[in-house]
Amino acid sequence: MTTELIAVAQKVDQAAHHETVLDVGTERVARVYAEAWLSAAIAHGQVDEVVAELETLLDQGFRADPHFEAFLASGVINRHHTAQVLRDAFVGRAGDLVLNGLLVLNEHDRLALLRPIVAAYRDLRDRQAGRMRVEVASAVPLPDDLRERLRQELRQKFDQEPVLEARVDPDLLGGLVVRIGDRVYDQSVRTQLTNIRKEIIARSSYEIQSRRDRFSSPGGN
């Protein structure tokens, strides 16, 4: 292992210790792993290469063989055997930083966290580059001019470079839904109809209660 990857292992130890002692959630533990992995990638000038290889592993490798992902995440197989499986699968197909990082996760029984670790790594990389990932759902594919206008509005509002991940959702009756992290900006017709319906119900309930109050009052008015 390189010096940077030894640092990864040390941070992994710290993450495991904190999780045991402080009952830290999965997201925070995954972020510690991601920070350590990113530090090693920065030292080697391979930030984008590492995330590209990891995303290929998740999007293509695991999709093609979901049993392989389940095997890695199970934790029921001896770690030495799993390490050999990783070497057989990735030597010559992945860079040293990716393979050694996977081996470190295996050594500390953290392969089950690979997906949240990759997500945290991507988020940290985007933040460093002044980018933000934006999920956009629309009833029909967004035309290029609307996509660019949305980029400009988001750029001005958040002072970051938006990276749009667009998808089509036919269930949306119109408009679009924009998700940035945990925040959702919903402009769909369905949401508007739902809000109107809720408002009508609320007003009807208020009117019914007002009538009850008038009937129950001594003056009857």
C-alpha atoms as a PDB file:
ATOM      1  CA  MET A   1       0.000   0.000   0.000  1.00  0.00           C
ATOM      2  CA  THR A   2       1.066   3.562  -0.667  1.00  0.00           C
ATOM      3  CA  THR A   3       1.403   6.071   2.160  1.00  0.00           C
ATOM      4  CA  GLU A   4      -1.907   7.660   1.166  1.00  0.00           C
ATOM      5  CA  LEU A   5      -3.723   4.340   1.290  1.00  0.00           C
ATOM      6  CA  ILE A   6      -2.234   3.614   4.700  1.00  0.00           C
ATOM      7  CA  ALA A   7      -3.854   6.909   5.725  1.00  0.00           C
ATOM      8  CA  VAL A   8      -7.096   5.563   4.287  1.00  0.00           C
ATOM      9  CA  ALA A   9      -6.796   2.502   6.498  1.00  0.00           C
ATOM     10  CA  GLN A  10      -6.121   4.665   9.541  1.00  0.00           C
ATOM     11  CA  LYS A  11      -9.203   6.771   8.863  1.00  0.00           C
ATOM     12  CA  VAL A  12     -11.197   3.609   8.387  1.00  0.00           C
ATOM     13  CA  ASP A  13     -10.079   2.493  11.841  1.00  0.00           C
ATOM     14  CA  GLN A  14     -11.179   5.836  13.244  1.00  0.00           C
ATOM     15  CA  ALA A  15     -14.545   5.560  11.503  1.00  0.00           C
ATOM     16  CA  ALA A  16     -15.138   2.096  12.892  1.00  0.00           C
ATOM     17  CA  HIS A  17     -14.175   3.256  16.392  1.00  0.00           C
ATOM     18  CA  HIS A  18     -16.452   6.285  16.272  1.00  0.00           C
ATOM     19  CA  GLU A  19     -19.332   4.243  14.929  1.00  0.00           C
ATOM     20  CA  THR A  20     -18.999   1.793  17.816  1.00  0.00           C
ATOM     21  CA  VAL A  21     -18.541   4.373  20.547  1.00  0.00           C
ATOM     22  CA  LEU A  22     -20.790   7.176  19.310  1.00  0.00           C
ATOM     23  CA  ASP A  23     -23.307   5.167  17.269  1.00  0.00           C
ATOM     24  CA  VAL A  24     -22.570   7.321  14.210  1.00  0.00           C
ATOM     25  CA  GLY A  25     -24.966   6.816  11.297  1.00  0.00           C
ATOM     26  CA  THR A  26     -24.092   5.116   8.051  1.00  0.00           C
ATOM     27  CA  GLU A  27     -23.987   8.370   6.114  1.00  0.00           C
ATOM     28  CA  ARG A  28     -21.390   9.934   8.380  1.00  0.00           C
ATOM     29  CA  VAL A  29     -19.230   6.809   8.430  1.00  0.00           C
ATOM     30  CA  ALA A  30     -19.413   6.594   4.635  1.00  0.00           C
ATOM     31  CA  ARG A  31     -18.317  10.207   4.420  1.00  0.00           C
ATOM     32  CA  VAL A  32     -15.201   9.492   6.505  1.00  0.00           C
ATOM     33  CA  TYR A  33     -14.274   6.682   4.125  1.00  0.00           C
ATOM     34  CA  ALA A  34     -14.954   8.922   1.136  1.00  0.00           C
ATOM     35  CA  GLU A  35     -12.802  11.734   2.541  1.00  0.00           C
ATOM     36  CA  ALA A  36      -9.899   9.349   3.042  1.00  0.00           C
ATOM     37  CA  TRP A  37     -10.287   7.851  -0.427  1.00  0.00           C
ATOM     38  CA  LEU A  38     -10.528  11.319  -1.966  1.00  0.00           C
ATOM     39  CA  SER A  39      -7.375  12.453  -0.145  1.00  0.00           C
ATOM     40  CA  ALA A  40      -5.456   9.534  -1.650  1.00  0.00           C
ATOM     41  CA  ALA A  41      -6.876  10.304  -5.100  1.00  0.00           C
ATOM     42  CA  ILE A  42      -5.910  13.978  -4.820  1.00  0.00           C
ATOM     43  CA  ALA A  43      -2.361  13.030  -3.834  1.00  0.00           C
ATOM     44  CA  HIS A  44      -2.089  10.917  -6.990  1.00  0.00           C
ATOM     45  CA  GLY A  45      -3.947  13.345  -9.237  1.00  0.00           C
ATOM     46  CA  GLN A  46      -6.634  10.759  -9.971  1.00  0.00           C
ATOM     47  CA  VAL A  47      -9.770  12.280  -8.462  1.00  0.00           C
ATOM     48  CA  ASP A  48     -11.983  11.898 -11.531  1.00  0.00           C
ATOM     49  CA  GLU A  49     -10.431   8.579 -12.584  1.00  0.00           C
ATOM     50  CA  VAL A  50     -11.259   6.979  -9.242  1.00  0.00           C
ATOM     51  CA  VAL A  51     -14.886   8.088  -9.202  1.00  0.00           C
ATOM     52  CA  ALA A  52     -15.311   7.061 -12.850  1.00  0.00           C
ATOM     53  CA  GLU A  53     -14.038   3.552 -12.087  1.00  0.00           C
ATOM     54  CA  LEU A  54     -16.223   3.254  -9.006  1.00  0.00           C
ATOM     55  CA  GLU A  55     -19.309   4.446 -10.868  1.00  0.00           C
ATOM     56  CA  THR A  56     -18.589   1.962 -13.650  1.00  0.00           C
ATOM     57  CA  LEU A  57     -18.355  -0.771 -11.035  1.00  0.00           C
ATOM     58  CA  LEU A  58     -21.728   0.198  -9.558  1.00  0.00           C
ATOM     59  CA  ASP A  59     -23.576   1.023 -12.767  1.00  0.00           C
ATOM     60  CA  GLN A  60     -22.261  -1.761 -14.986  1.00  0.00           C
ATOM     61  CA  GLY A  61     -20.523  -4.411 -12.919  1.00  0.00           C
ATOM     62  CA  PHE A  62     -23.107  -4.779 -10.168  1.00  0.00           C
ATOM     63  CA  ARG A  63     -26.003  -4.326 -12.565  1.00  0.00           C
ATOM     64  CA  ALA A  64     -24.683  -7.115 -14.761  1.00  0.00           C
ATOM     65  CA  ASP A  65     -24.084  -9.385 -11.771  1.00  0.00           C
ATOM     66  CA  PRO A  66     -26.167  -8.358  -8.723  1.00  0.00           C
ATOM     67  CA  HIS A  67     -25.106 -11.563  -6.980  1.00  0.00           C
ATOM     68  CA  PHE A  68     -21.539 -10.250  -6.932  1.00  0.00           C
ATOM     69  CA  GLU A  69     -22.630  -7.136  -5.046  1.00  0.00           C
ATOM     70  CA  ALA A  70     -24.622  -9.245  -2.598  1.00  0.00           C
ATOM     71  CA  PHE A  71     -21.581 -11.476  -2.123  1.00  0.00           C
ATOM     72  CA  LEU A  72     -19.318  -8.524  -1.313  1.00  0.00           C
ATOM     73  CA  ALA A  73     -21.835  -6.952   1.054  1.00  0.00           C
ATOM     74  CA  SER A  74     -22.792 -10.150   2.843  1.00  0.00           C
ATOM     75  CA  GLY A  75     -19.830 -10.273   5.217  1.00  0.00           C
ATOM     76  CA  VAL A  76     -20.364 -14.004   5.713  1.00  0.00           C
ATOM     77  CA  ILE A  77     -17.354 -15.021   3.596  1.00  0.00           C
ATOM     78  CA  ASN A  78     -13.889 -15.045   5.081  1.00  0.00           C
ATOM     79  CA  ARG A  79     -12.163 -11.715   4.437  1.00  0.00           C
ATOM     80  CA  HIS A  80      -9.076 -13.421   3.018  1.00  0.00           C
ATOM     81  CA  HIS A  81     -11.218 -15.238   0.487  1.00  0.00           C
ATOM     82  CA  THR A  82     -13.066 -12.030  -0.413  1.00  0.00           C
ATOM     83  CA  ALA A  83      -9.745 -10.216  -0.860  1.00  0.00           C
ATOM     84  CA  GLN A  84      -8.621 -12.859  -3.346  1.00  0.00           C
ATOM     85  CA  VAL A  85     -11.917 -12.553  -5.217  1.00  0.00           C
ATOM     86  CA  LEU A  86     -11.391  -8.780  -5.450  1.00  0.00           C
ATOM     87  CA  ARG A  87      -7.874  -9.239  -6.794  1.00  0.00           C
ATOM     88  CA  ASP A  88      -9.040 -11.785  -9.347  1.00  0.00           C
ATOM     89  CA  ALA A  89     -11.860  -9.500 -10.455  1.00  0.00           C
ATOM     90  CA  PHE A  90     -10.031  -6.171 -10.643  1.00  0.00           C
ATOM     91  CA  VAL A  91      -6.292  -6.661 -11.191  1.00  0.00           C
ATOM     92  CA  GLY A  92      -5.632  -5.195 -14.613  1.00  0.00           C
ATOM     93  CA  ARG A  93      -9.202  -3.849 -14.844  1.00  0.00           C
ATOM     94  CA  ALA A  94      -9.092  -1.150 -12.159  1.00  0.00           C
ATOM     95  CA  GLY A  95      -6.424   1.221 -10.967  1.00  0.00           C
ATOM     96  CA  ASP A  96      -4.403   0.583  -7.841  1.00  0.00           C
ATOM     97  CA  LEU A  97      -6.262   3.258  -5.864  1.00  0.00           C
ATOM     98  CA  VAL A  98      -9.614   1.618  -6.537  1.00  0.00           C
ATOM     99  CA  LEU A  99      -8.444  -1.948  -5.929  1.00  0.00           C
ATOM    100  CA  ASN A 100      -6.492  -1.099  -2.786  1.00  0.00           C
ATOM    101  CA  GLY A 101      -9.394   0.983  -1.505  1.00  0.00           C
ATOM    102  CA  LEU A 102     -11.729  -1.977  -1.965  1.00  0.00           C
ATOM    103  CA  LEU A 103      -9.249  -4.191  -0.140  1.00  0.00           C
ATOM    104  CA  VAL A 104      -9.136  -1.704   2.741  1.00  0.00           C
ATOM    105  CA  LEU A 105     -12.937  -1.719   2.961  1.00  0.00           C
ATOM    106  CA  ASN A 106     -12.900  -5.505   2.919  1.00  0.00           C
ATOM    107  CA  GLU A 107     -10.313  -5.626   5.684  1.00  0.00           C
ATOM    108  CA  HIS A 108     -12.618  -3.575   7.894  1.00  0.00           C
ATOM    109  CA  ASP A 109     -15.876  -5.269   6.825  1.00  0.00           C
ATOM    110  CA  ARG A 110     -17.144  -2.126   5.094  1.00  0.00           C
ATOM    111  CA  LEU A 111     -17.839  -3.333   1.563  1.00  0.00           C
ATOM    112  CA  ALA A 112     -21.563  -3.107   2.316  1.00  0.00           C
ATOM    113  CA  LEU A 113     -21.082   0.678   2.487  1.00  0.00           C
ATOM    114  CA  LEU A 114     -19.617   0.937  -1.008  1.00  0.00           C
ATOM    115  CA  ARG A 115     -22.647   2.662  -2.567  1.00  0.00           C
ATOM    116  CA  PRO A 116     -22.999   5.409   0.091  1.00  0.00           C
ATOM    117  CA  ILE A 117     -19.200   5.837   0.066  1.00  0.00           C
ATOM    118  CA  VAL A 118     -19.194   6.410  -3.696  1.00  0.00           C
ATOM    119  CA  ALA A 119     -22.106   8.850  -3.343  1.00  0.00           C
ATOM    120  CA  ALA A 120     -20.232  10.759  -0.624  1.00  0.00           C
ATOM    121  CA  TYR A 121     -17.035  10.759  -2.708  1.00  0.00           C
ATOM    122  CA  ARG A 122     -18.951  12.202  -5.680  1.00  0.00           C
ATOM    123  CA  ASP A 123     -20.517  14.866  -3.462  1.00  0.00           C
ATOM    124  CA  LEU A 124     -17.160  15.888  -1.992  1.00  0.00           C
ATOM    125  CA  ARG A 125     -15.576  16.053  -5.448  1.00  0.00           C
ATOM    126  CA  ASP A 126     -18.419  18.224  -6.736  1.00  0.00           C
ATOM    127  CA  ARG A 127     -18.187  20.579  -3.787  1.00  0.00           C
ATOM    128  CA  GLN A 128     -14.468  21.037  -4.286  1.00  0.00           C
ATOM    129  CA  ALA A 129     -15.079  21.854  -7.950  1.00  0.00           C
ATOM    130  CA  GLY A 130     -17.913  24.268  -7.128  1.00  0.00           C
ATOM    131  CA  ARG A 131     -20.507  21.982  -8.670  1.00  0.00           C
ATOM    132  CA  MET A 132     -23.836  20.736  -7.388  1.00  0.00           C
ATOM    133  CA  ARG A 133     -25.785  17.721  -8.619  1.00  0.00           C
ATOM    134  CA  VAL A 134     -29.397  18.421  -9.566  1.00  0.00           C
ATOM    135  CA  GLU A 135     -32.027  15.771 -10.292  1.00  0.00           C
ATOM    136  CA  VAL A 136     -34.709  16.962 -12.706  1.00  0.00           C
ATOM    137  CA  ALA A 137     -37.884  14.999 -13.458  1.00  0.00           C
ATOM    138  CA  SER A 138     -40.298  16.083 -16.173  1.00  0.00           C
ATOM    139  CA  ALA A 139     -43.308  14.581 -17.931  1.00  0.00           C
ATOM    140  CA  VAL A 140     -41.537  14.882 -21.303  1.00  0.00           C
ATOM    141  CA  PRO A 141     -37.859  15.279 -22.208  1.00  0.00           C
ATOM    142  CA  LEU A 142     -36.632  18.806 -21.514  1.00  0.00           C
ATOM    143  CA  PRO A 143     -35.766  20.761 -24.667  1.00  0.00           C
ATOM    144  CA  ASP A 144     -32.212  22.067 -24.794  1.00  0.00           C
ATOM    145  CA  ASP A 145     -33.279  25.696 -24.389  1.00  0.00           C
ATOM    146  CA  LEU A 146     -35.281  24.958 -21.218  1.00  0.00           C
ATOM    147  CA  ARG A 147     -32.462  22.824 -19.869  1.00  0.00           C
ATOM    148  CA  GLU A 148     -30.014  25.691 -20.375  1.00  0.00           C
ATOM    149  CA  ARG A 149     -32.423  28.221 -18.855  1.00  0.00           C
ATOM    150  CA  LEU A 150     -32.800  25.982 -15.817  1.00  0.00           C
ATOM    151  CA  ARG A 151     -29.006  25.775 -15.530  1.00  0.00           C
ATOM    152  CA  GLN A 152     -28.719  29.559 -15.628  1.00  0.00           C
ATOM    153  CA  GLU A 153     -31.398  30.053 -12.973  1.00  0.00           C
ATOM    154  CA  LEU A 154     -29.815  27.486 -10.666  1.00  0.00           C
ATOM    155  CA  ARG A 155     -26.361  28.953 -11.276  1.00  0.00           C
ATOM    156  CA  GLN A 156     -27.555  32.410 -10.297  1.00  0.00           C
ATOM    157  CA  LYS A 157     -29.543  31.208  -7.293  1.00  0.00           C
ATOM    158  CA  PHE A 158     -26.898  28.962  -5.725  1.00  0.00           C
ATOM    159  CA  ASP A 159     -23.666  30.419  -7.161  1.00  0.00           C
ATOM    160  CA  GLN A 160     -22.521  26.926  -8.168  1.00  0.00           C
ATOM    161  CA  GLU A 161     -22.250  25.070 -11.450  1.00  0.00           C
ATOM    162  CA  PRO A 162     -25.292  22.752 -11.700  1.00  0.00           C
ATOM    163  CA  VAL A 163     -24.831  19.232 -13.063  1.00  0.00           C
ATOM    164  CA  LEU A 164     -28.252  18.176 -14.311  1.00  0.00           C
ATOM    165  CA  GLU A 165     -29.362  14.546 -14.111  1.00  0.00           C
ATOM    166  CA  ALA A 166     -32.601  14.583 -16.105  1.00  0.00           C
ATOM    167  CA  ARG A 167     -35.174  11.817 -16.288  1.00  0.00           C
ATOM    168  CA  VAL A 168     -38.652  11.492 -17.744  1.00  0.00           C
ATOM    169  CA  ASP A 169     -41.546  10.669 -15.400  1.00  0.00           C
ATOM    170  CA  PRO A 170     -44.812  10.215 -17.354  1.00  0.00           C
ATOM    171  CA  ASP A 171     -46.744  10.210 -14.065  1.00  0.00           C
ATOM    172  CA  LEU A 172     -46.106  13.930 -13.734  1.00  0.00           C
ATOM    173  CA  LEU A 173     -49.083  15.715 -15.239  1.00  0.00           C
ATOM    174  CA  GLY A 174     -46.976  18.699 -16.200  1.00  0.00           C
ATOM    175  CA  GLY A 175     -44.216  21.017 -15.073  1.00  0.00           C
ATOM    176  CA  LEU A 176     -41.126  19.565 -13.463  1.00  0.00           C
ATOM    177  CA  VAL A 177     -39.669  18.459 -10.148  1.00  0.00           C
ATOM    178  CA  VAL A 178     -36.176  19.609  -9.192  1.00  0.00           C
ATOM    179  CA  ARG A 179     -34.301  17.907  -6.369  1.00  0.00           C
ATOM    180  CA  ILE A 180     -31.097  19.342  -4.905  1.00  0.00           C
ATOM    181  CA  GLY A 181     -29.824  17.182  -2.085  1.00  0.00           C
ATOM    182  CA  ASP A 182     -32.697  16.804   0.365  1.00  0.00           C
ATOM    183  CA  ARG A 183     -34.643  19.776  -0.986  1.00  0.00           C
ATOM    184  CA  VAL A 184     -37.365  19.348  -3.602  1.00  0.00           C
ATOM    185  CA  TYR A 185     -38.707  22.182  -5.758  1.00  0.00           C
ATOM    186  CA  ASP A 186     -41.958  20.810  -7.115  1.00  0.00           C
ATOM    187  CA  GLN A 187     -43.846  22.681  -9.847  1.00  0.00           C
ATOM    188  CA  SER A 188     -45.893  19.788 -11.188  1.00  0.00           C
ATOM    189  CA  VAL A 189     -49.585  20.161 -11.948  1.00  0.00           C
ATOM    190  CA  ARG A 190     -50.277  17.135  -9.775  1.00  0.00           C
ATOM    191  CA  THR A 191     -48.723  18.853  -6.781  1.00  0.00           C
ATOM    192  CA  GLN A 192     -50.710  22.012  -7.478  1.00  0.00           C
ATOM    193  CA  LEU A 193     -53.937  19.977  -7.683  1.00  0.00           C
ATOM    194  CA  THR A 194     -53.068  18.179  -4.459  1.00  0.00           C
ATOM    195  CA  ASN A 195     -52.419  21.489  -2.706  1.00  0.00           C
ATOM    196  CA  ILE A 196     -55.704  22.898  -3.987  1.00  0.00           C
ATOM    197  CA  ARG A 197     -57.543  19.792  -2.800  1.00  0.00           C
ATOM    198  CA  LYS A 198     -55.953  20.090   0.642  1.00  0.00           C
ATOM    199  CA  GLU A 199     -56.909  23.749   0.816  1.00  0.00           C
ATOM    200  CA  ILE A 200     -60.522  22.964  -0.129  1.00  0.00           C
ATOM    201  CA  ILE A 201     -60.685  20.255   2.554  1.00  0.00           C
ATOM    202  CA  ALA A 202     -59.173  22.608   5.123  1.00  0.00           C
ATOM    203  CA  ARG A 203     -61.635  25.373   4.288  1.00  0.00           C
ATOM    204  CA  SER A 204     -64.587  22.965   4.344  1.00  0.00           C
ATOM    205  CA  SER A 205     -63.508  21.642   7.734  1.00  0.00           C
ATOM    206  CA  TYR A 206     -63.194  25.199   9.036  1.00  0.00           C
ATOM    207  CA  GLU A 207     -66.670  26.104   7.735  1.00  0.00           C
ATOM    208  CA  ILE A 208     -68.240  22.984   9.274  1.00  0.00           C
ATOM    209  CA  GLN A 209     -66.571  23.684  12.612  1.00  0.00           C
ATOM    210  CA  SER A 210     -67.733  27.316  12.487  1.00  0.00           C
ATOM    211  CA  ARG A 211     -71.336  26.210  11.956  1.00  0.00           C
ATOM    212  CA  ARG A 212     -71.083  23.778  14.874  1.00  0.00           C
ATOM    213  CA  ASP A 213     -69.736  26.538  17.064  1.00  0.00           C
ATOM    214  CA  ARG A 214     -72.640  28.825  16.120  1.00  0.00           C
ATOM    215  CA  PHE A 215     -75.223  26.127  16.868  1.00  0.00           C
ATOM    216  CA  SER A 216     -73.624  25.330  20.201  1.00  0.00           C
ATOM    217  CA  SER A 217     -73.297  28.932  21.360  1.00  0.00           C
ATOM    218  CA  PRO A 218     -76.020  30.338  23.641  1.00  0.00           C
ATOM    219  CA  GLY A 219     -76.921  33.129  21.258  1.00  0.00           C
ATOM    220  CA  GLY A 220     -77.115  30.799  18.283  1.00  0.00           C
ATOM    221  CA  ASN A 221     -75.322  33.248  15.972  1.00  0.00           C
END
